[in-house]
């Protein structure tokens, strides 16, 4: 499979990887500047990944907006920040965002843990677990 290529109007060539700001400078770079992520949909470096369908999440490891967070890095897709996170966020009452839990079956932060496989929301680790910790009940 060929890598993504991008139009560079300054050289009239297809190049890899994405331009920083297509239509403005036409400068192509090996990676997006710190604090931005390469978006394959728009071919731009974005300060926030897209929340259009399907959501894209900022992956700090690759520097790209990704549809799925890397399974091998133990990160989870967070719909609030649109980023891959090591720990799902606790509830944020100021914006009405509920508590979320790390779901290992989907690698997403979820508000309700899945029934298949059957798991329980664990409030201390903010993760979906198969068995509740000692002295707690599901």
N, C-alpha and C. Protein backbone atom coordinates (compact mmCIF):
# COMPACT_ATOMS: atom_id res chain seq x y z
N UNK A 1 0.84 -1.18 0.00
CA UNK A 1 0.00 0.00 0.00
C UNK A 1 0.88 1.25 0.00
N UNK A 2 0.57 2.21 -0.85
CA UNK A 2 1.34 3.45 -0.93
C UNK A 2 0.97 4.38 0.22
N UNK A 3 1.93 5.17 0.70
CA UNK A 3 1.61 6.13 1.76
C UNK A 3 0.76 7.26 1.19
N UNK A 4 0.09 8.00 2.08
CA UNK A 4 -0.68 9.17 1.65
C UNK A 4 0.26 10.16 0.98
N UNK A 5 -0.21 10.78 -0.09
CA UNK A 5 0.58 11.83 -0.74
C UNK A 5 -0.25 13.10 -0.77
N UNK A 6 0.42 14.22 -0.91
CA UNK A 6 -0.23 15.52 -0.84
C UNK A 6 0.28 16.41 -1.96
N UNK A 7 -0.58 17.25 -2.48
CA UNK A 7 -0.20 18.15 -3.56
C UNK A 7 0.62 19.31 -3.01
N UNK A 8 1.76 19.56 -3.64
CA UNK A 8 2.60 20.70 -3.29
C UNK A 8 2.62 21.62 -4.51
N UNK A 9 1.84 22.71 -4.42
CA UNK A 9 1.71 23.61 -5.57
C UNK A 9 2.98 24.38 -5.89
N UNK A 10 3.94 24.40 -4.97
CA UNK A 10 5.18 25.11 -5.28
C UNK A 10 6.07 24.29 -6.21
N UNK A 11 5.95 22.96 -6.15
CA UNK A 11 6.78 22.10 -7.01
C UNK A 11 5.94 21.32 -8.02
N UNK A 12 4.62 21.42 -7.90
CA UNK A 12 3.70 20.67 -8.76
C UNK A 12 4.00 19.17 -8.70
N UNK A 13 4.26 18.70 -7.49
CA UNK A 13 4.56 17.28 -7.31
C UNK A 13 3.69 16.72 -6.19
N UNK A 14 3.48 15.41 -6.23
CA UNK A 14 2.82 14.74 -5.12
C UNK A 14 3.90 14.38 -4.11
N UNK A 15 3.69 14.80 -2.89
CA UNK A 15 4.72 14.63 -1.87
C UNK A 15 4.15 13.92 -0.65
N UNK A 16 5.04 13.43 0.18
CA UNK A 16 4.69 12.84 1.45
C UNK A 16 5.59 13.47 2.50
N UNK A 17 5.14 13.91 3.64
CA UNK A 17 3.79 13.91 4.21
C UNK A 17 3.02 15.19 3.94
N UNK A 18 2.08 15.54 4.83
CA UNK A 18 1.14 16.63 4.57
C UNK A 18 1.78 18.00 4.64
N UNK A 19 1.23 18.96 3.85
CA UNK A 19 1.68 20.35 3.98
C UNK A 19 1.17 20.96 5.28
N UNK A 20 1.90 21.96 5.80
CA UNK A 20 1.47 22.61 7.03
C UNK A 20 0.17 23.37 6.81
N UNK A 21 0.14 24.23 5.84
CA UNK A 21 -1.07 24.99 5.55
C UNK A 21 -1.28 25.07 4.04
N UNK A 22 -1.96 24.09 3.46
CA UNK A 22 -2.19 24.11 2.01
C UNK A 22 -2.89 25.39 1.60
N UNK A 23 -2.49 25.92 0.49
CA UNK A 23 -3.12 27.13 0.00
C UNK A 23 -2.46 28.40 0.50
N UNK A 24 -1.58 28.30 1.49
CA UNK A 24 -0.93 29.48 2.04
C UNK A 24 0.55 29.47 1.71
N UNK A 25 1.30 28.56 2.31
CA UNK A 25 2.75 28.56 2.11
C UNK A 25 3.22 27.44 1.20
N UNK A 26 2.45 26.39 1.09
CA UNK A 26 2.81 25.21 0.31
C UNK A 26 4.12 24.59 0.75
N UNK A 27 4.54 24.86 1.96
CA UNK A 27 5.74 24.22 2.49
C UNK A 27 5.37 22.87 3.06
N UNK A 28 6.09 21.86 2.65
CA UNK A 28 5.82 20.52 3.17
C UNK A 28 6.83 20.20 4.25
N UNK A 29 6.40 19.42 5.23
CA UNK A 29 7.25 19.13 6.37
C UNK A 29 7.14 17.65 6.72
N UNK A 30 8.15 17.11 7.40
CA UNK A 30 8.12 15.72 7.81
C UNK A 30 7.13 15.46 8.94
N UNK A 31 6.84 16.50 9.71
CA UNK A 31 5.91 16.34 10.82
C UNK A 31 5.28 17.69 11.14
N UNK A 32 4.15 17.65 11.80
CA UNK A 32 3.47 18.88 12.19
C UNK A 32 4.17 19.49 13.40
N UNK A 33 4.09 20.81 13.55
CA UNK A 33 4.70 21.47 14.71
C UNK A 33 4.08 20.97 16.02
N UNK A 34 4.83 21.08 17.10
CA UNK A 34 4.38 20.67 18.43
C UNK A 34 3.04 21.33 18.74
N UNK A 35 2.10 20.56 19.26
CA UNK A 35 0.78 21.09 19.59
C UNK A 35 -0.21 21.01 18.44
N UNK A 36 0.21 20.40 17.32
CA UNK A 36 -0.69 20.18 16.19
C UNK A 36 -0.56 18.73 15.73
N UNK A 37 -1.55 18.26 15.00
CA UNK A 37 -1.57 16.89 14.53
C UNK A 37 -1.94 16.86 13.06
N UNK A 38 -1.33 15.95 12.31
CA UNK A 38 -1.58 15.81 10.88
C UNK A 38 -2.95 15.18 10.66
N UNK A 39 -3.78 15.87 9.88
CA UNK A 39 -5.13 15.38 9.59
C UNK A 39 -5.16 14.88 8.15
N UNK A 40 -5.41 13.58 7.96
CA UNK A 40 -5.46 13.02 6.62
C UNK A 40 -6.69 13.44 5.84
N UNK A 41 -7.72 13.93 6.51
CA UNK A 41 -8.94 14.36 5.83
C UNK A 41 -8.71 15.70 5.14
N UNK A 42 -8.15 16.67 5.86
CA UNK A 42 -7.95 18.01 5.31
C UNK A 42 -6.54 18.22 4.77
N UNK A 43 -5.60 17.30 5.06
CA UNK A 43 -4.19 17.43 4.69
C UNK A 43 -3.55 18.66 5.32
N UNK A 44 -3.99 18.97 6.54
CA UNK A 44 -3.46 20.12 7.28
C UNK A 44 -3.00 19.67 8.66
N UNK A 45 -2.16 20.51 9.26
CA UNK A 45 -1.81 20.33 10.66
C UNK A 45 -2.87 21.07 11.47
N UNK A 46 -3.52 20.36 12.38
CA UNK A 46 -4.64 20.90 13.15
C UNK A 46 -4.28 21.05 14.61
N UNK A 47 -4.83 22.09 15.26
CA UNK A 47 -4.64 22.24 16.70
C UNK A 47 -5.61 21.35 17.46
N UNK A 48 -6.68 20.89 16.79
CA UNK A 48 -7.63 19.95 17.38
C UNK A 48 -8.13 19.05 16.27
N UNK A 49 -8.17 17.76 16.53
CA UNK A 49 -8.62 16.82 15.51
C UNK A 49 -10.12 16.96 15.30
N UNK A 50 -10.59 16.46 14.18
CA UNK A 50 -11.97 16.64 13.74
C UNK A 50 -12.97 15.87 14.59
N UNK A 51 -14.10 16.52 14.87
CA UNK A 51 -15.18 15.82 15.56
C UNK A 51 -16.31 15.49 14.59
N UNK A 52 -16.01 15.55 13.29
CA UNK A 52 -17.01 15.14 12.31
C UNK A 52 -17.01 13.62 12.25
N UNK A 53 -18.03 13.05 11.68
CA UNK A 53 -18.14 11.59 11.63
C UNK A 53 -17.19 11.03 10.60
N UNK A 54 -16.36 10.07 10.90
CA UNK A 54 -16.11 9.58 12.26
C UNK A 54 -15.15 10.51 13.00
N UNK A 55 -15.25 10.51 14.31
CA UNK A 55 -14.33 11.32 15.11
C UNK A 55 -12.89 10.93 14.82
N UNK A 56 -12.01 11.91 14.91
CA UNK A 56 -10.57 11.68 14.80
C UNK A 56 -9.96 12.10 16.13
N UNK A 57 -8.96 11.37 16.58
CA UNK A 57 -8.36 11.61 17.90
C UNK A 57 -6.88 11.92 17.76
N UNK A 58 -6.41 12.92 18.51
CA UNK A 58 -5.00 13.32 18.49
C UNK A 58 -4.15 12.24 19.15
N UNK A 59 -3.25 11.67 18.36
CA UNK A 59 -2.34 10.63 18.86
C UNK A 59 -0.96 11.25 19.00
N UNK A 60 -0.52 11.47 20.23
CA UNK A 60 0.78 12.11 20.48
C UNK A 60 1.95 11.25 20.04
N UNK A 61 1.76 9.95 19.95
CA UNK A 61 2.84 9.06 19.54
C UNK A 61 3.19 9.23 18.06
N UNK A 62 2.17 9.28 17.20
CA UNK A 62 2.40 9.40 15.76
C UNK A 62 2.33 10.84 15.27
N UNK A 63 1.75 11.74 16.06
CA UNK A 63 1.58 13.12 15.61
C UNK A 63 0.47 13.26 14.58
N UNK A 64 -0.45 12.29 14.54
CA UNK A 64 -1.54 12.29 13.56
C UNK A 64 -2.90 12.24 14.26
N UNK A 65 -3.91 12.67 13.52
CA UNK A 65 -5.29 12.46 13.93
C UNK A 65 -5.64 11.05 13.47
N UNK A 66 -6.13 10.22 14.38
CA UNK A 66 -6.39 8.82 14.06
C UNK A 66 -7.84 8.46 14.39
N UNK A 67 -8.36 7.48 13.67
CA UNK A 67 -9.72 7.00 13.94
C UNK A 67 -9.73 6.13 15.19
N UNK A 68 -8.65 5.38 15.40
CA UNK A 68 -8.53 4.50 16.57
C UNK A 68 -7.21 4.78 17.28
N UNK A 69 -7.27 4.88 18.59
CA UNK A 69 -6.05 5.08 19.37
C UNK A 69 -5.25 3.78 19.39
N UNK A 70 -3.91 3.89 19.44
CA UNK A 70 -3.06 2.69 19.39
C UNK A 70 -3.34 1.75 20.56
N UNK A 71 -3.64 0.51 20.23
CA UNK A 71 -3.91 -0.50 21.26
C UNK A 71 -2.64 -0.83 22.05
N UNK A 72 -1.51 -0.85 21.39
CA UNK A 72 -0.27 -1.25 22.06
C UNK A 72 0.26 -0.21 23.04
N UNK A 73 -0.26 1.01 23.01
CA UNK A 73 0.20 2.05 23.94
C UNK A 73 -0.73 2.22 25.13
N UNK A 74 -1.78 1.37 25.19
CA UNK A 74 -2.74 1.42 26.28
C UNK A 74 -3.35 2.81 26.43
N UNK A 75 -3.82 3.37 25.31
CA UNK A 75 -4.51 4.66 25.32
C UNK A 75 -5.96 4.46 24.90
N UNK A 76 -6.78 5.44 25.23
CA UNK A 76 -8.22 5.37 24.98
C UNK A 76 -8.68 6.63 24.27
N UNK A 77 -9.62 6.49 23.35
CA UNK A 77 -10.18 7.61 22.61
C UNK A 77 -11.14 8.38 23.52
N UNK A 78 -10.83 9.66 23.74
CA UNK A 78 -11.65 10.52 24.61
C UNK A 78 -12.45 11.49 23.74
N UNK A 79 -13.77 11.37 23.76
CA UNK A 79 -14.63 12.22 22.95
C UNK A 79 -14.66 13.67 23.41
N UNK A 80 -14.30 13.94 24.65
CA UNK A 80 -14.30 15.32 25.15
C UNK A 80 -13.12 16.12 24.59
N UNK A 81 -11.93 15.57 24.68
CA UNK A 81 -10.74 16.29 24.22
C UNK A 81 -10.34 15.91 22.80
N UNK A 82 -11.00 14.90 22.22
CA UNK A 82 -10.65 14.37 20.90
C UNK A 82 -9.17 13.99 20.84
N UNK A 83 -8.74 13.30 21.90
CA UNK A 83 -7.35 12.86 21.94
C UNK A 83 -7.26 11.46 22.53
N UNK A 84 -6.12 10.83 22.33
CA UNK A 84 -5.84 9.52 22.91
C UNK A 84 -5.26 9.77 24.30
N UNK A 85 -5.87 9.21 25.32
CA UNK A 85 -5.46 9.49 26.70
C UNK A 85 -5.11 8.19 27.43
N UNK A 86 -4.21 8.30 28.39
CA UNK A 86 -3.82 7.14 29.20
C UNK A 86 -4.87 6.87 30.29
N UNK A 87 -5.57 7.91 30.71
CA UNK A 87 -6.61 7.79 31.74
C UNK A 87 -7.83 8.59 31.28
N UNK A 88 -8.97 7.95 31.29
CA UNK A 88 -10.21 8.64 30.89
C UNK A 88 -10.55 9.72 31.90
N UNK A 89 -11.12 10.83 31.41
CA UNK A 89 -11.38 11.95 32.32
C UNK A 89 -12.51 11.68 33.30
N UNK A 90 -12.35 12.26 34.49
CA UNK A 90 -13.39 12.23 35.49
C UNK A 90 -14.47 13.20 35.03
N UNK A 91 -15.62 13.19 35.65
CA UNK A 91 -16.70 14.06 35.18
C UNK A 91 -16.30 15.53 35.28
N UNK A 92 -16.85 16.32 34.37
CA UNK A 92 -16.59 17.75 34.33
C UNK A 92 -17.94 18.45 34.44
N UNK A 93 -18.34 18.79 35.67
CA UNK A 93 -19.65 19.38 35.92
C UNK A 93 -19.83 20.74 35.25
N UNK A 94 -18.72 21.47 35.06
CA UNK A 94 -18.83 22.81 34.48
C UNK A 94 -19.37 22.79 33.05
N UNK A 95 -19.14 21.70 32.34
CA UNK A 95 -19.68 21.62 30.97
C UNK A 95 -20.69 20.48 30.82
N UNK A 96 -21.09 19.90 31.94
CA UNK A 96 -22.09 18.84 31.91
C UNK A 96 -21.61 17.53 31.32
N UNK A 97 -20.31 17.25 31.44
CA UNK A 97 -19.75 16.01 30.90
C UNK A 97 -19.71 14.97 32.00
N UNK A 98 -20.28 13.77 31.76
CA UNK A 98 -20.31 12.74 32.80
C UNK A 98 -18.96 12.06 32.99
N UNK A 99 -18.87 11.29 34.08
CA UNK A 99 -17.68 10.49 34.34
C UNK A 99 -17.53 9.47 33.21
N UNK A 100 -16.29 9.20 32.81
CA UNK A 100 -16.06 8.20 31.76
C UNK A 100 -15.11 7.13 32.28
N UNK A 101 -15.17 5.97 31.62
CA UNK A 101 -14.41 4.80 32.04
C UNK A 101 -13.66 4.20 30.86
N UNK A 102 -12.46 3.72 31.09
CA UNK A 102 -11.64 3.11 30.05
C UNK A 102 -12.19 1.73 29.72
N UNK A 103 -12.61 1.55 28.47
CA UNK A 103 -13.15 0.27 28.01
C UNK A 103 -12.09 -0.43 27.16
N UNK A 104 -11.51 -1.50 27.68
CA UNK A 104 -10.46 -2.22 26.97
C UNK A 104 -10.96 -2.92 25.71
N UNK A 105 -12.24 -3.24 25.65
CA UNK A 105 -12.75 -3.94 24.47
C UNK A 105 -12.84 -3.04 23.25
N UNK A 106 -13.04 -1.73 23.45
CA UNK A 106 -13.14 -0.78 22.33
C UNK A 106 -12.01 0.24 22.31
N UNK A 107 -11.25 0.32 23.40
CA UNK A 107 -10.18 1.32 23.58
C UNK A 107 -10.76 2.74 23.50
N UNK A 108 -11.94 2.91 24.08
CA UNK A 108 -12.61 4.21 24.13
C UNK A 108 -12.99 4.54 25.57
N UNK A 109 -13.14 5.84 25.84
CA UNK A 109 -13.69 6.28 27.12
C UNK A 109 -15.21 6.25 26.96
N UNK A 110 -15.88 5.52 27.85
CA UNK A 110 -17.33 5.34 27.75
C UNK A 110 -18.02 5.80 29.02
N UNK A 111 -19.28 6.19 28.91
CA UNK A 111 -20.04 6.59 30.09
C UNK A 111 -20.70 5.40 30.76
N UNK A 112 -20.95 4.34 29.97
CA UNK A 112 -21.54 3.11 30.50
C UNK A 112 -20.68 1.95 30.00
N UNK A 113 -20.21 1.12 30.91
CA UNK A 113 -19.38 -0.02 30.53
C UNK A 113 -20.21 -1.05 29.77
N UNK A 114 -19.59 -1.75 28.83
CA UNK A 114 -20.34 -2.66 27.97
C UNK A 114 -20.87 -3.91 28.69
N UNK A 115 -21.94 -4.46 28.09
CA UNK A 115 -22.51 -5.71 28.61
C UNK A 115 -21.88 -6.92 27.93
N UNK A 116 -21.19 -6.68 26.81
CA UNK A 116 -20.57 -7.80 26.09
C UNK A 116 -19.16 -7.38 25.66
N UNK A 117 -18.13 -7.73 26.36
CA UNK A 117 -18.16 -8.57 27.56
C UNK A 117 -18.71 -7.79 28.75
N UNK A 118 -19.34 -8.50 29.67
CA UNK A 118 -19.97 -7.87 30.82
C UNK A 118 -18.92 -7.27 31.74
N UNK A 119 -18.99 -5.96 31.94
CA UNK A 119 -18.03 -5.28 32.81
C UNK A 119 -18.75 -4.28 33.70
N UNK A 120 -18.04 -3.83 34.73
CA UNK A 120 -18.58 -2.89 35.70
C UNK A 120 -17.71 -1.64 35.74
N UNK A 121 -18.35 -0.49 35.97
CA UNK A 121 -17.62 0.78 36.07
C UNK A 121 -16.96 0.88 37.43
N UNK A 122 -15.64 1.01 37.45
CA UNK A 122 -14.88 1.12 38.69
C UNK A 122 -14.47 2.58 38.87
N UNK A 123 -14.98 3.21 39.94
CA UNK A 123 -14.85 4.66 40.11
C UNK A 123 -13.47 5.15 40.52
N UNK A 124 -12.62 4.31 41.04
CA UNK A 124 -11.29 4.75 41.47
C UNK A 124 -10.32 4.79 40.29
N UNK A 125 -10.27 3.69 39.54
CA UNK A 125 -9.35 3.63 38.39
C UNK A 125 -9.98 4.18 37.12
N UNK A 126 -11.28 4.48 37.18
CA UNK A 126 -12.03 4.96 36.01
C UNK A 126 -11.89 3.99 34.83
N UNK A 127 -12.10 2.72 35.13
CA UNK A 127 -12.00 1.70 34.08
C UNK A 127 -13.14 0.70 34.21
N UNK A 128 -13.40 0.00 33.12
CA UNK A 128 -14.40 -1.06 33.09
C UNK A 128 -13.69 -2.35 33.53
N UNK A 129 -14.23 -3.00 34.55
CA UNK A 129 -13.58 -4.19 35.10
C UNK A 129 -14.53 -5.38 35.07
N UNK A 130 -13.96 -6.59 35.02
CA UNK A 130 -14.76 -7.81 35.01
C UNK A 130 -15.26 -8.17 36.41
N UNK A 131 -14.52 -7.76 37.43
CA UNK A 131 -14.88 -8.06 38.80
C UNK A 131 -14.66 -6.81 39.65
N UNK A 132 -15.64 -6.51 40.48
CA UNK A 132 -15.51 -5.33 41.35
C UNK A 132 -14.43 -5.57 42.39
N UNK A 133 -13.71 -4.51 42.78
CA UNK A 133 -12.68 -4.66 43.81
C UNK A 133 -13.30 -5.10 45.15
N UNK A 134 -12.47 -5.60 46.02
CA UNK A 134 -12.92 -6.04 47.34
C UNK A 134 -13.65 -4.89 48.03
N UNK A 135 -14.70 -5.24 48.77
CA UNK A 135 -15.55 -4.29 49.52
C UNK A 135 -16.36 -3.35 48.63
N UNK A 136 -16.56 -3.71 47.38
CA UNK A 136 -17.47 -2.94 46.52
C UNK A 136 -18.33 -3.93 45.75
N UNK A 137 -19.46 -3.44 45.22
CA UNK A 137 -20.42 -4.32 44.59
C UNK A 137 -20.90 -3.73 43.27
N UNK A 138 -21.24 -4.62 42.32
CA UNK A 138 -21.71 -4.19 41.00
C UNK A 138 -23.20 -4.36 40.87
